[in-house]
Protein backbone atom coordinates (compact mmCIF):
# COMPACT_ATOMS: atom_id res chain seq x y z
CA UNK A 1 7.78 -78.46 -23.37
CA UNK A 2 5.36 -80.82 -26.10
CA UNK A 3 2.46 -78.31 -25.46
CA UNK A 4 4.41 -76.32 -26.41
CA UNK A 5 5.80 -78.25 -29.82
CA UNK A 6 2.98 -78.78 -30.89
CA UNK A 7 1.05 -75.02 -30.01
CA UNK A 8 4.00 -74.10 -32.47
CA UNK A 9 3.65 -76.29 -35.08
CA UNK A 10 -0.25 -76.49 -35.11
CA UNK A 11 0.64 -72.60 -35.69
CA UNK A 12 2.52 -73.14 -38.53
CA UNK A 13 0.39 -74.61 -40.34
CA UNK A 14 -2.72 -72.59 -39.42
CA UNK A 15 -0.38 -70.43 -41.09
CA UNK A 16 0.08 -71.64 -43.61
CA UNK A 17 -2.66 -73.09 -44.42
CA UNK A 18 -4.20 -69.26 -44.73
CA UNK A 19 -1.10 -67.87 -46.35
CA UNK A 20 -2.02 -71.25 -48.97
CA UNK A 21 -6.52 -70.13 -49.01
CA UNK A 22 -5.13 -66.45 -49.31
CA UNK A 23 -2.92 -66.61 -52.38
CA UNK A 24 -5.64 -69.36 -54.35
CA UNK A 25 -8.44 -66.97 -53.81
CA UNK A 26 -9.08 -65.68 -57.79
CA UNK A 27 -8.67 -62.24 -57.98
CA UNK A 28 -10.93 -60.48 -59.99
CA UNK A 29 -10.51 -58.61 -62.75
CA UNK A 30 -12.22 -54.40 -63.07
CA UNK A 31 -14.71 -55.97 -65.17
CA UNK A 32 -15.65 -58.61 -63.30
CA UNK A 33 -16.23 -56.10 -59.77
CA UNK A 34 -18.13 -54.27 -62.19
CA UNK A 35 -20.80 -56.70 -63.22
CA UNK A 36 -20.85 -58.30 -59.51
CA UNK A 37 -21.65 -54.55 -58.12
CA UNK A 38 -24.16 -53.99 -60.38
CA UNK A 39 -25.51 -58.06 -59.88
CA UNK A 40 -25.73 -56.04 -55.59
CA UNK A 41 -26.84 -52.97 -57.13
CA UNK A 42 -29.51 -54.35 -58.99
CA UNK A 43 -31.06 -57.07 -56.58
CA UNK A 44 -31.10 -54.69 -53.81
CA UNK A 45 -33.36 -52.29 -56.97
CA UNK A 46 -35.51 -55.52 -57.54
CA UNK A 47 -36.35 -56.35 -54.52
CA UNK A 48 -39.75 -55.10 -53.49
CA UNK A 49 -40.60 -55.28 -56.66
CA UNK A 50 -42.95 -58.96 -57.27
CA UNK A 51 -41.04 -61.49 -59.55
CA UNK A 52 -38.24 -59.32 -60.16
CA UNK A 53 -35.70 -60.98 -57.83
CA UNK A 54 -36.20 -63.79 -60.06
CA UNK A 55 -35.71 -62.65 -63.28
CA UNK A 56 -32.60 -60.95 -62.40
CA UNK A 57 -30.98 -64.03 -61.58
CA UNK A 58 -31.90 -65.90 -64.11
CA UNK A 59 -30.66 -63.52 -66.33
CA UNK A 60 -26.68 -63.05 -65.12
CA UNK A 61 -27.15 -67.43 -64.25
CA UNK A 62 -28.35 -67.13 -68.14
CA UNK A 63 -24.92 -65.54 -69.37
CA UNK A 64 -23.12 -66.13 -66.50
CA UNK A 65 -20.85 -69.03 -69.82
CA UNK A 66 -19.85 -66.14 -71.97
CA UNK A 67 -16.69 -66.44 -72.10
CA UNK A 68 -15.04 -64.17 -70.08
CA UNK A 69 -12.33 -62.59 -73.10
CA UNK A 70 -16.18 -61.79 -75.38
CA UNK A 71 -15.27 -58.54 -73.39
CA UNK A 72 -17.69 -56.60 -76.31
CA UNK A 73 -21.06 -58.83 -75.17
CA UNK A 74 -20.20 -58.16 -71.77
CA UNK A 75 -19.71 -54.49 -71.37
CA UNK A 76 -23.27 -54.69 -74.17
CA UNK A 77 -24.53 -56.29 -71.29
CA UNK A 78 -22.77 -54.34 -68.81
CA UNK A 79 -24.75 -51.54 -69.94
CA UNK A 80 -27.89 -52.51 -70.77
CA UNK A 81 -27.98 -54.04 -67.37
CA UNK A 82 -27.04 -50.59 -66.11
CA UNK A 83 -30.12 -48.99 -68.28
CA UNK A 84 -32.26 -51.75 -66.74
CA UNK A 85 -31.41 -50.71 -62.82
CA UNK A 86 -32.17 -47.34 -63.89
CA UNK A 87 -35.41 -48.33 -65.39
CA UNK A 88 -36.29 -50.39 -62.12
CA UNK A 89 -34.71 -47.29 -59.69
CA UNK A 90 -37.90 -45.92 -61.16
CA UNK A 91 -40.84 -45.71 -58.29
CA UNK A 92 -43.16 -46.43 -61.88
CA UNK A 93 -42.42 -48.95 -63.32
CA UNK A 94 -43.96 -52.00 -62.41
CA UNK A 95 -43.05 -55.37 -64.75
CA UNK A 96 -40.11 -55.66 -66.54
CA UNK A 97 -40.41 -56.20 -70.02
CA UNK A 98 -39.04 -59.27 -72.51
CA UNK A 99 -38.77 -59.98 -76.52
CA UNK A 100 -39.41 -63.20 -77.29
CA UNK A 101 -38.80 -64.27 -80.60
CA UNK A 102 -41.78 -65.88 -81.93
CA UNK A 103 -42.33 -68.41 -84.71
CA UNK A 104 -42.70 -65.73 -87.20
CA UNK A 105 -38.91 -64.32 -86.80
CA UNK A 106 -37.31 -66.30 -88.59
């Protein structure tokens, strides 16, 4: 009888913890889901091109600190990422270009 009560109590505890975990998980917005999908697509597309994965990861890390309420900037980067994805998928693409700010630009 004691074992049955202990098992029942343990089962209830596990169920409560599962429900708490399920409801505490953050739900992603539609834009967040699209950005995560784009990230995965970029990683897949750049898998066999040298240097691409490191660049993709660094770009996403660099922009991860953009506030969620800065929707215009996020949408701009998302569209730019989609264009870059199409370029990466092109078999003729061998490297990603980058524009850097020089001291003359100031």
